[in-house]
Structures are given as structure tokens and as C-alpha cells.
Amino acid sequence: MLNCCMKNLKEDVGRRIKEIREGLGLTLEGFGKKLCLGKTAIHQYEHGISTPSLETLAKIAELGNVTIDWLITGKEPANPHGNGTTQESAGSWNQPNTISPFEQLILEEFRAIDPCWRHAALESIACIRRQRPAPEPNIKKEIKKDCK
């Protein structure tokens, strides 16, 4: 009985992973690259053949802008502003006005930065996204100098 339930869980998680990947318009290879995995691993996750590690689940949830709860159960966690019930969801990654807890943390950290350094933070994020080295320290000094 337990093996049957685990198989269903793996398949359900796999379907949600595939939903995220396809929603992002990525191939198996493209999605795998974002997770530092091969396309075979992604294929095995999507078909319930193998299970991602917790670290990989966290990365997938982050990429898809969903909670790990949703990724595993298909349900959103209890709504702190609502009646406390869980809600079935097709994933919040495709809802433009929602942000994940991780994105909320990034926003809070960004708001806490001295306004003179926010441009440097955004440039660093853009470099990471483009997989290029972050700006040299002297560029950051010039930005700081401009703020005086």
C-alpha cells in the first residue's frame, strides 16, 4: 500500500514539475540547466521515476514561484488572511501579482539597502541572470561617489 502511495506522490510531483517547466516555456535541457541538472534527471522527475532532493525541490519551487507545499501536495498553505483553509491551485507561478516567500525576502533586503547602493544590487542581479561576473569593486565605488 505504501509503495502505491509513494508512486502516486512521485507522479503527482512530477506532473507539477512539468507544469512549471512548460509554463516557463523551457525544454527539458533548458530547465535542467537552470537547476544544474541534466535533461535525463528532469525527465525522470516528471515521470515519477526518481524524486528530486529537497535542495532541488526548493530550486524548482523558486523557479516556478510556487511553494514547496504546492509542489508536493498541489495545495497552497493556509491563507493567513483568510479562513485558514488550504486551497487547490494550479500553481501561483503564473499569477503576476503574487510573490513567493523567497521573493518577499529579496524585496525586504533590497528595501533595507542604502538607496545609493540599490543600482549596484540590481546590476549584480542582472549579471547573475546573464551569467556574467558582477561589476568590479571600483564600479561600486563610483556609484557610491555619485550618491554624495
Foldseek 3Di string as FASTA:
>chain_A
DVVVVLQVQQQQLLCLLVLLCVVVVHDLQRVCVQLVHHSVVNVCSNRSVDHDDPVSLVSSCQSLQFDSCCSRPQWHAQDPPDDRDIDRDSGCSPPVPDGHPVVVVVVVVLVPDDVLCNVLVVQCVVCVVVVHHRDDVVVSVVSNVVVD
